[in-house]
Protein backbone atom coordinates (compact mmCIF):
# COMPACT_ATOMS: atom_id res chain seq x y z
CA MET A 1 -18.78 -28.87 -19.68
CA GLY A 2 -15.98 -26.45 -20.54
CA ILE A 3 -13.14 -26.48 -22.99
CA LEU A 4 -9.67 -26.49 -21.50
CA ARG A 5 -7.01 -24.84 -23.63
CA HIS A 6 -3.35 -25.08 -22.69
CA ARG A 7 -0.62 -24.76 -25.29
CA GLY A 8 2.36 -25.83 -23.25
CA ILE A 9 4.70 -28.65 -24.22
CA GLY A 10 2.75 -31.85 -24.71
CA TRP A 11 -0.68 -30.21 -24.93
CA ARG A 12 -1.62 -29.04 -28.42
CA SER A 13 -5.36 -29.55 -28.51
CA PRO A 14 -8.37 -28.80 -26.32
CA LEU A 15 -9.17 -31.10 -23.43
CA ILE A 16 -12.73 -31.98 -22.55
CA CYS A 17 -13.35 -31.39 -18.87
CA HIS A 18 -16.13 -31.32 -16.32
CA PRO A 19 -15.89 -28.84 -13.44
CA ARG A 20 -17.21 -30.28 -10.17
CA ASN A 21 -16.82 -28.12 -7.07
CA GLY A 22 -13.50 -26.69 -8.17
CA ILE A 23 -12.27 -30.08 -9.38
CA LEU A 24 -11.87 -31.10 -13.00
CA THR A 25 -12.49 -34.59 -14.30
CA VAL A 26 -10.59 -35.12 -17.53
CA GLN A 27 -12.45 -37.33 -19.96
CA ALA A 28 -10.39 -37.37 -23.14
CA MET A 29 -7.48 -35.68 -24.80
CA ILE A 30 -6.11 -35.33 -28.29
CA SER A 31 -2.39 -36.04 -28.43
CA ALA A 32 0.21 -34.03 -30.33
CA THR A 33 0.08 -36.63 -33.11
CA GLY A 34 -3.68 -36.27 -33.46
CA ASP A 35 -4.63 -39.52 -31.72
CA LEU A 36 -7.61 -39.44 -29.39
CA THR A 37 -6.75 -40.90 -26.00
CA ILE A 38 -9.55 -41.87 -23.63
CA LEU A 39 -8.57 -41.37 -19.99
CA PRO A 40 -10.19 -42.77 -16.86
CA LEU A 41 -12.24 -40.21 -15.02
CA LEU A 42 -9.76 -38.94 -12.48
CA PRO A 43 -10.44 -35.95 -10.22
CA THR A 44 -7.51 -33.54 -10.32
CA ARG A 45 -7.16 -30.00 -9.11
CA VAL A 46 -5.95 -27.94 -12.01
CA MET A 47 -2.68 -26.13 -11.24
CA SER A 48 -1.02 -25.30 -14.55
CA MET A 49 -4.28 -25.16 -16.54
CA ALA A 50 -7.54 -23.31 -16.19
CA CYS A 51 -11.02 -24.29 -17.30
CA PHE A 52 -12.42 -21.24 -18.98
CA SER A 53 -16.05 -20.52 -19.60
CA ASP A 54 -17.21 -18.23 -22.37
CA SER A 55 -17.09 -15.25 -20.02
CA SER A 56 -14.43 -12.74 -21.04
CA ILE A 57 -14.57 -11.31 -17.51
CA LEU A 58 -13.46 -14.66 -16.07
CA LYS A 59 -10.63 -14.89 -18.58
CA GLN A 60 -9.45 -11.39 -17.75
CA PHE A 61 -9.63 -12.17 -14.05
CA LEU A 62 -7.52 -15.32 -14.43
CA PHE A 63 -4.91 -13.57 -16.58
CA SER A 64 -4.76 -10.72 -14.08
CA LEU A 65 -4.33 -13.24 -11.27
CA LEU A 66 -1.36 -14.78 -13.08
CA GLU A 67 0.24 -11.37 -13.57
CA ALA A 68 -0.35 -10.38 -9.94
CA THR A 69 1.23 -13.62 -8.73
CA SER A 70 4.29 -13.07 -10.93
CA LEU A 71 4.62 -9.50 -9.66
CA ILE A 72 4.50 -10.63 -6.02
CA LEU A 73 7.17 -13.29 -6.61
CA VAL A 74 9.43 -10.84 -8.43
CA LEU A 75 9.08 -8.29 -5.61
CA TYR A 76 9.94 -11.05 -3.11
CA PHE A 77 13.21 -11.68 -4.98
CA ILE A 78 13.99 -7.96 -5.19
CA ALA A 79 13.41 -7.52 -1.45
CA VAL A 80 15.72 -10.43 -0.60
CA TYR A 81 18.38 -9.54 -3.16
CA TYR A 82 18.71 -5.91 -2.09
CA ALA A 83 18.53 -6.76 1.60
CA GLY A 84 22.08 -8.07 1.17
CA HIS A 85 23.24 -4.97 -0.73
CA SER A 86 23.64 -2.04 1.61
CA ASN A 87 24.46 0.26 -1.31
CA GLY A 88 21.29 -0.58 -3.23
CA ARG A 89 19.80 2.66 -4.51
CA LYS A 90 16.16 3.29 -5.36
CA THR A 91 17.07 3.80 -9.01
CA ASP A 92 18.79 0.39 -9.06
CA ILE A 93 15.74 -1.30 -7.56
CA ALA A 94 13.26 0.40 -9.90
CA TRP A 95 15.37 -0.40 -12.95
CA HIS A 96 15.78 -4.04 -11.90
CA ILE A 97 12.03 -4.46 -11.39
CA ALA A 98 11.33 -2.92 -14.79
CA ILE A 99 13.83 -5.11 -16.61
CA MET A 100 12.41 -8.25 -14.98
CA LEU A 101 8.75 -7.48 -15.65
CA LEU A 102 9.17 -6.00 -19.13
CA ASN A 103 11.42 -8.67 -20.59
CA PRO A 104 10.33 -8.64 -24.27
CA CYS A 105 10.84 -12.38 -24.82
CA LEU A 106 8.61 -13.35 -21.92
CA VAL A 107 5.92 -10.81 -22.85
CA LEU A 108 5.82 -11.99 -26.49
CA ILE A 109 5.70 -15.69 -25.62
CA ASP A 110 3.22 -15.50 -22.76
CA HIS A 111 0.90 -12.87 -24.24
CA GLY A 112 1.43 -13.36 -27.97
CA HIS A 113 2.27 -17.04 -28.41
CA PHE A 114 -0.07 -17.77 -25.45
CA GLN A 115 2.12 -19.80 -23.14
CA TYR A 116 2.05 -19.41 -19.38
CA ASN A 117 5.72 -19.52 -18.46
CA CYS A 118 5.32 -16.65 -15.99
CA ILE A 119 3.99 -19.07 -13.36
CA SER A 120 6.88 -21.56 -13.41
CA LEU A 121 9.45 -18.80 -13.87
CA GLY A 122 7.88 -16.80 -11.04
CA LEU A 123 8.04 -19.81 -8.72
CA THR A 124 11.68 -20.29 -9.71
CA VAL A 125 12.46 -16.65 -8.90
CA ALA A 126 10.82 -17.11 -5.50
CA ALA A 127 12.86 -20.29 -4.94
CA VAL A 128 16.05 -18.38 -5.78
CA ALA A 129 15.07 -15.67 -3.32
CA ALA A 130 14.49 -18.31 -0.65
CA VAL A 131 17.96 -19.77 -1.27
CA LEU A 132 19.56 -16.33 -1.00
CA SER A 133 17.75 -15.73 2.30
CA GLU A 134 18.91 -19.10 3.73
CA LYS A 135 15.42 -20.65 3.61
CA GLU A 136 16.42 -23.87 1.87
CA LEU A 137 13.30 -25.88 2.76
CA LEU A 138 11.02 -23.20 1.33
CA ALA A 139 13.25 -23.03 -1.74
CA CYS A 140 12.83 -26.77 -2.35
CA PHE A 141 9.06 -26.50 -2.00
CA LEU A 142 8.76 -23.56 -4.41
CA PHE A 143 11.13 -25.07 -6.96
CA CYS A 144 9.23 -28.37 -6.93
CA LEU A 145 5.99 -26.47 -7.57
CA GLY A 146 7.60 -24.73 -10.53
CA LEU A 147 8.98 -28.02 -11.83
CA ASN A 148 5.57 -29.68 -11.60
CA HIS A 149 3.93 -26.75 -13.34
CA LYS A 150 6.29 -26.93 -16.30
CA GLN A 151 8.94 -29.60 -16.77
CA MET A 152 11.30 -27.16 -18.47
CA THR A 153 12.07 -25.83 -14.98
CA ALA A 154 14.36 -28.86 -14.75
CA TYR A 155 16.88 -26.69 -16.64
CA PHE A 156 17.70 -25.19 -13.22
CA ALA A 157 17.76 -28.45 -11.26
CA PRO A 158 21.56 -29.05 -11.42
CA ALA A 159 22.23 -25.56 -10.06
CA PHE A 160 19.80 -25.96 -7.15
CA PHE A 161 21.10 -29.46 -6.39
CA SER A 162 24.80 -28.55 -6.42
CA HIS A 163 24.40 -25.32 -4.45
CA LEU A 164 22.21 -26.85 -1.74
CA LEU A 165 24.43 -29.94 -1.53
CA GLY A 166 27.52 -27.76 -1.19
CA LYS A 167 25.91 -25.83 1.67
CA CYS A 168 24.74 -29.01 3.41
CA LEU A 169 28.25 -30.51 3.28
CA ARG A 170 29.59 -27.53 5.22
CA ARG A 171 27.18 -27.91 8.13
CA GLN A 172 27.57 -29.87 11.32
CA ASN A 173 25.32 -32.76 10.29
CA PRO A 174 25.32 -32.99 6.46
CA LEU A 175 23.27 -36.19 6.30
CA LEU A 176 20.46 -34.70 8.37
CA GLU A 177 20.40 -31.52 6.26
CA VAL A 178 20.26 -33.49 3.00
CA SER A 179 17.52 -35.73 4.44
CA LYS A 180 15.35 -32.72 5.34
CA LEU A 181 15.63 -31.33 1.84
CA GLY A 182 14.86 -34.74 0.35
CA LEU A 183 11.74 -35.13 2.48
CA VAL A 184 10.43 -31.74 1.35
CA VAL A 185 11.01 -32.68 -2.29
CA LEU A 186 9.30 -36.07 -1.92
CA GLY A 187 6.42 -34.57 0.04
CA THR A 188 5.80 -31.82 -2.52
CA PHE A 189 5.84 -34.28 -5.42
CA ALA A 190 3.50 -36.63 -3.56
CA LEU A 191 1.09 -33.76 -2.90
CA VAL A 192 1.03 -32.59 -6.53
CA TRP A 193 0.85 -36.09 -8.03
CA TRP A 194 -1.62 -37.47 -5.48
CA PRO A 195 -4.60 -37.62 -7.90
CA TYR A 196 -2.59 -39.88 -10.24
CA LEU A 197 -0.93 -42.14 -7.67
CA HIS A 198 -4.04 -44.28 -7.30
CA SER A 199 -3.75 -45.56 -10.86
CA MET A 200 -0.50 -46.76 -12.39
CA GLU A 201 -1.99 -46.47 -15.88
CA ALA A 202 -2.89 -42.81 -15.39
CA PHE A 203 0.48 -42.11 -13.78
CA LEU A 204 2.40 -43.62 -16.70
CA ARG A 205 0.28 -41.73 -19.24
CA VAL A 206 0.95 -38.39 -17.58
CA LEU A 207 4.64 -39.27 -17.31
CA ALA A 208 4.76 -40.11 -21.03
CA ARG A 209 3.26 -36.73 -21.87
CA LEU A 210 6.07 -35.01 -19.98
CA ALA A 211 8.74 -36.62 -22.16
CA PRO A 212 7.64 -36.33 -25.81
CA PHE A 213 10.57 -38.28 -27.30
CA GLU A 214 8.52 -39.11 -30.39
CA ARG A 215 8.91 -35.52 -31.62
CA GLY A 216 12.62 -35.90 -32.21
CA ILE A 217 15.71 -34.33 -30.70
CA PHE A 218 14.84 -30.81 -31.85
CA GLU A 219 11.90 -28.90 -33.26
CA ASP A 220 11.82 -26.23 -35.99
CA TYR A 221 14.98 -24.09 -36.24
CA VAL A 222 16.05 -23.68 -32.63
CA ALA A 223 19.52 -22.16 -32.08
CA ASN A 224 21.00 -25.07 -30.11
CA PHE A 225 23.77 -27.60 -30.81
CA TRP A 226 21.68 -30.40 -32.33
CA CYS A 227 19.71 -28.25 -34.74
CA THR A 228 22.70 -26.13 -35.80
CA THR A 229 25.01 -29.08 -36.44
CA SER A 230 22.23 -30.94 -38.29
CA VAL A 231 23.18 -28.76 -41.27
CA LEU A 232 26.22 -31.07 -41.57
CA ILE A 233 25.22 -34.13 -39.50
CA LYS A 234 21.72 -35.46 -40.08
CA TRP A 235 21.14 -36.64 -36.53
CA LYS A 236 17.55 -37.76 -37.02
CA LYS A 237 18.40 -39.88 -40.07
CA MET A 238 21.71 -41.32 -38.90
CA PHE A 239 20.77 -42.32 -35.36
CA ALA A 240 17.82 -43.93 -33.64
CA THR A 241 15.92 -42.05 -30.95
CA GLU A 242 17.39 -44.27 -28.22
CA SER A 243 20.94 -43.37 -29.29
CA LEU A 244 20.09 -39.67 -29.50
CA LYS A 245 18.69 -39.81 -25.97
CA LEU A 246 22.04 -41.07 -24.69
CA PHE A 247 24.00 -38.52 -26.72
CA SER A 248 21.82 -35.73 -25.39
CA LEU A 249 22.02 -36.93 -21.79
CA GLY A 250 25.80 -37.27 -21.92
CA ALA A 251 26.33 -33.87 -23.54
CA THR A 252 23.97 -32.10 -21.13
CA ILE A 253 25.56 -33.60 -18.01
CA SER A 254 29.10 -33.01 -19.28
CA SER A 255 28.44 -29.35 -20.09
CA CYS A 256 26.85 -28.47 -16.74
CA LEU A 257 29.25 -30.56 -14.63
CA PRO A 258 31.95 -27.85 -14.24
CA SER A 259 29.38 -25.39 -12.90
CA MET A 260 28.04 -27.99 -10.46
CA VAL A 261 31.52 -28.87 -9.21
CA GLN A 262 32.26 -25.21 -8.52
CA GLN A 263 29.14 -24.80 -6.38
CA ILE A 264 29.67 -28.04 -4.45
CA TRP A 265 33.25 -26.97 -3.79
CA ALA A 266 32.56 -23.35 -2.85
CA PRO A 267 28.84 -22.46 -2.75
CA SER A 268 28.04 -18.75 -2.80
CA SER A 269 25.05 -16.57 -3.64
CA GLN A 270 26.72 -15.00 -6.65
CA GLY A 271 28.03 -18.36 -7.84
CA PHE A 272 24.53 -19.79 -7.49
CA LEU A 273 23.11 -17.17 -9.88
CA TYR A 274 25.84 -17.88 -12.42
CA GLY A 275 25.23 -21.60 -11.88
CA LEU A 276 21.56 -21.15 -12.78
CA LEU A 277 22.60 -19.46 -16.02
CA ASN A 278 25.16 -22.12 -16.91
CA SER A 279 22.81 -24.98 -16.09
CA ALA A 280 20.03 -23.48 -18.23
CA PHE A 281 22.47 -22.90 -21.09
CA SER A 282 23.59 -26.55 -20.92
CA PHE A 283 20.02 -27.81 -21.20
CA TYR A 284 19.13 -25.35 -23.95
CA MET A 285 22.18 -26.31 -25.99
CA PHE A 286 22.23 -30.06 -25.56
CA SER A 287 19.02 -31.48 -24.08
CA PHE A 288 16.41 -33.47 -25.97
CA GLN A 289 13.43 -31.75 -27.66
CA VAL A 290 14.24 -28.05 -27.24
CA HIS A 291 11.86 -25.40 -28.53
CA GLU A 292 12.67 -21.78 -29.49
CA LYS A 293 10.87 -20.49 -26.40
CA SER A 294 13.20 -22.53 -24.16
CA ILE A 295 15.65 -19.62 -24.32
CA LEU A 296 13.42 -18.04 -21.66
CA LEU A 297 15.13 -20.31 -19.14
CA PRO A 298 18.70 -18.93 -19.55
CA LEU A 299 17.18 -15.46 -19.78
CA LEU A 300 15.82 -15.67 -16.24
CA PRO A 301 19.15 -15.86 -14.34
CA ALA A 302 20.65 -13.35 -16.77
CA THR A 303 17.87 -10.98 -15.69
CA LEU A 304 18.58 -11.66 -12.02
CA LEU A 305 22.21 -10.70 -12.70
CA ALA A 306 21.18 -7.59 -14.62
CA LEU A 307 22.94 -5.05 -12.41
CA GLU A 308 26.11 -7.14 -12.20
CA GLU A 309 26.16 -8.04 -15.90
CA PRO A 310 24.15 -5.46 -17.87
CA PHE A 311 25.97 -6.21 -21.13
CA LEU A 312 25.36 -9.95 -20.71
CA LEU A 313 21.63 -9.29 -20.26
CA LYS A 314 21.45 -7.03 -23.29
CA TRP A 315 23.43 -9.47 -25.45
CA ILE A 316 21.45 -12.59 -24.56
CA THR A 317 18.08 -10.82 -24.80
CA LEU A 318 18.70 -9.37 -28.24
CA ASN A 319 19.91 -12.74 -29.51
CA ALA A 320 17.00 -14.53 -27.86
CA LEU A 321 14.55 -12.17 -29.54
CA PHE A 322 16.26 -12.70 -32.88
CA SER A 323 16.26 -16.50 -32.49
CA MET A 324 12.47 -16.44 -31.94
CA PHE A 325 11.77 -14.04 -34.81
CA PRO A 326 10.61 -16.71 -37.34
CA LEU A 327 8.27 -18.20 -34.73
CA LEU A 328 6.84 -14.79 -33.86
CA CYS A 329 6.40 -13.98 -37.55
CA ARG A 330 4.22 -17.05 -37.94
CA ASP A 331 2.14 -15.77 -35.02
CA LYS A 332 1.85 -12.34 -36.71
CA LEU A 333 3.64 -10.58 -33.87
CA VAL A 334 6.07 -8.45 -35.89
CA LEU A 335 4.71 -5.11 -34.65
CA PRO A 336 4.78 -6.08 -30.93
CA TYR A 337 8.22 -7.58 -31.57
CA ILE A 338 9.56 -4.25 -32.87
CA ALA A 339 7.89 -2.19 -30.14
CA LEU A 340 9.10 -4.37 -27.26
CA SER A 341 12.61 -4.60 -28.72
CA ALA A 342 12.81 -0.81 -28.88
CA LEU A 343 11.47 -0.51 -25.31
CA PHE A 344 14.05 -3.01 -24.04
CA ILE A 345 16.94 -1.18 -25.75
CA LEU A 346 15.68 2.10 -24.26
CA ILE A 347 15.56 0.61 -20.74
CA CYS A 348 19.02 -0.93 -21.12
CA HIS A 349 20.40 2.40 -22.31
CA HIS A 350 19.48 3.87 -18.91
CA VAL A 351 21.08 1.12 -16.82
CA PRO A 352 22.20 2.48 -13.40
CA ASP A 353 25.92 3.22 -13.40
CA ARG A 354 26.64 0.80 -10.58
CA ARG A 355 29.73 -0.83 -12.01
CA GLN A 356 32.30 1.34 -13.77
CA ASP A 357 33.70 -0.58 -16.72
CA ARG A 358 37.02 0.31 -18.23
CA LYS A 359 37.01 2.49 -21.32
CA GLU A 360 38.26 -0.42 -23.46
CA THR A 361 35.46 -2.68 -22.21
CA ARG A 362 32.80 -0.07 -22.88
CA SER A 363 34.16 0.46 -26.40
CA PHE A 364 34.14 -3.28 -27.08
CA ASN A 365 30.60 -3.66 -25.76
CA SER A 366 29.41 -0.74 -27.86
CA PHE A 367 31.07 -2.17 -30.98
CA MET A 368 29.60 -5.64 -30.43
CA THR A 369 26.12 -4.24 -29.80
CA THR A 370 26.29 -2.08 -32.92
CA PHE A 371 27.52 -5.00 -35.00
CA LEU A 372 24.76 -7.31 -33.75
CA VAL A 373 22.05 -4.71 -34.30
CA PHE A 374 23.32 -4.06 -37.84
CA CYS A 375 23.39 -7.78 -38.74
CA SER A 376 19.98 -8.38 -37.22
CA VAL A 377 18.41 -5.38 -38.99
CA VAL A 378 19.75 -6.63 -42.33
CA LEU A 379 18.51 -10.19 -41.71
CA HIS A 380 15.14 -8.91 -40.46
CA GLY A 381 14.71 -6.94 -43.66
CA VAL A 382 15.77 -9.87 -45.84
CA TYR A 383 13.43 -12.24 -44.01
CA LEU A 384 10.43 -9.93 -44.36
CA THR A 385 10.95 -8.70 -47.92
CA MET A 386 12.66 -11.50 -49.86
CA ASP A 387 11.76 -15.08 -50.75
CA PRO A 388 14.35 -17.78 -50.14
CA PRO A 389 15.62 -19.92 -53.05
CA SER A 390 13.21 -22.72 -53.95
CA ARG A 391 15.98 -25.26 -53.37
CA TYR A 392 16.57 -23.96 -49.81
CA PRO A 393 13.17 -22.84 -48.50
CA PHE A 394 14.44 -22.48 -44.92
CA LEU A 395 17.71 -20.71 -45.74
CA PHE A 396 16.90 -17.53 -43.81
CA GLU A 397 15.85 -19.47 -40.69
CA ALA A 398 19.12 -21.42 -40.88
CA VAL A 399 21.22 -18.24 -41.11
CA ILE A 400 19.43 -16.73 -38.10
CA MET A 401 19.90 -19.98 -36.19
CA LEU A 402 23.65 -20.13 -36.96
CA LEU A 403 24.22 -16.52 -35.90
CA CYS A 404 22.30 -16.87 -32.64
CA PHE A 405 23.91 -20.22 -31.80
CA SER A 406 27.39 -18.72 -32.12
CA GLN A 407 26.42 -15.93 -29.71
CA PHE A 408 24.84 -18.32 -27.21
CA MET A 409 27.97 -20.48 -27.21
CA PHE A 410 30.13 -17.42 -26.57
CA LEU A 411 27.89 -16.36 -23.68
CA ALA A 412 27.91 -19.88 -22.21
CA PHE A 413 31.73 -19.95 -22.16
CA TYR A 414 31.81 -16.45 -20.71
CA SER A 415 29.37 -17.21 -17.87
CA ASN A 416 31.20 -20.45 -16.97
CA ALA A 417 34.48 -18.54 -16.82
CA LYS A 418 32.90 -15.87 -14.61
CA GLN A 419 31.61 -18.51 -12.20
CA TRP A 420 35.04 -20.12 -11.82
CA MET A 421 36.63 -16.70 -11.33
CA LEU A 422 34.46 -16.39 -8.22
CA LEU A 423 36.19 -19.50 -6.85
CA LYS A 424 39.58 -17.83 -7.31
CA HIS A 425 38.30 -14.79 -5.42
CA THR A 426 37.02 -17.02 -2.61
CA ILE A 427 40.40 -18.76 -2.27
CA LEU A 428 42.20 -15.43 -2.05
CA MET A 429 39.77 -14.24 0.64
CA ASP A 430 40.35 -17.42 2.66
CA LYS A 431 44.12 -16.92 2.48
CA GLU A 432 43.78 -13.35 3.70
CA LYS A 433 41.65 -14.51 6.65
CA LYS A 434 44.25 -17.12 7.61
CA LEU A 435 47.02 -14.51 7.53
CA LEU A 436 44.99 -12.29 9.84
C-alpha cells in the first residue's frame, strides 16, 4: 500500500491506495474540511496523480518524466508557431523557448508550492499548436486531456469554443464539422471518465470534488474582483452561496463574451492567442473559488505572445509574482522568489528586437516598469521587516492585492482592445482584396 500525495484543488490530504498491475484502487480520502470519506473500491488508472513509493529514485524519475513531457509539448508549439513565420530567427526561437520554460511563476508553484500545473498547461500549449496547424480534432483531444487533468484549464474553454466554431461556420458543411469536434470531445471524456461511469455514486462524488463551492467565492487574498471589492462589499456575509454562484457566472460570461464574439465573427491565429488571454483573465477576475496560483492561466497565452507583446509579458509576470508573494512567503520560498525574479528580468532585458516600438512607447514602458519595480521593492521590504497593525493583521496583503488587481484590470482592457483591433485590420484587408 502506498501513500498518494496530490495538492491540487480539491485534494489536500493523502489518499490511501493499492497499486495492482499499474491500476490504483482508491479506498478512502480525507476531504478539504477534514471529513473522512469512504469510497467504493474502483479501479482507475491514475493520470493526474502518481502513487509514490519511498524510493527517491522513483520520485526523481517521475518528476523528470513530467519535465520531459512539458519540454516536448513546448517544442511542438514552437515548431508550429515559427513554421508560419518565415522571418523567425534562431535568436527569437531560443529566447521564446527560454521564456516559456523558465517562467518564474510556474517554477515556483510547481517546484516550490508542489503543484503539477505543467501537465495541464503543457497539454493546453500542444492544443494551441494543433489549432494553429489546422489540426482541430487533435486540438480537441489534447485540450480535453488537459481539462480532465486539472479543471482550471476551463479558463481557456471559451476561446477554444469560439475560435473553432468560427472556423467551422466558414466551411462548406458547418454542421458536419461541429459534429466531428463534438464527437471527439465526448469520446475523450468518456475514455477518461470510464472507471467512474459504472457507478453514479462514484461519478457524483468525483464531480462534487471538482466544484468546491463550500470554500466560498474566493480564498486568501487573491487579486481578483471578488476579493478586492470585499474590502467594501462583504460578499460572503451579504449573499448566500447560491446567489454568489449566479453573480460569478454572469460576470464571467459577460466579461469574456466580447472576445468570443470577435473570434466567431473573424477567427484568426493571432486573435485566438489574444482570445486565450482574455478568456483566462475573465475567469481569473470573476469566476468562483479562485486561488493565487490561478494567475498561471492568463500567464500562459501571454507567454505564447511574448515576441509580439514583450512588455505585456513582463508586466503581467512581475505583477503575478508580486500577487503570489504572501503565499510564497508562507512556503519559505523568498530566496528562490528573488533569484527567479532577477533571472526573468535579465531574460526580458535581452528580448529580440523584432518589433520596433516608437520612442514614446519605449519611454512609457520604461517608466511604468521602473515605477512598478520601485513600488514592489518598497512593499516587499515592508512586508518582510514590519508587523501590520494589530487591528488590521492582513493590511499588507490587502495593499498588494489592490495594486496587482489594478494592473490586471488594465492588462485585461488592453488585451481585449488589441484583439478587436485585429478585426479592424481584417476588415481593411478584405476591402483591399475586393478592390483588387
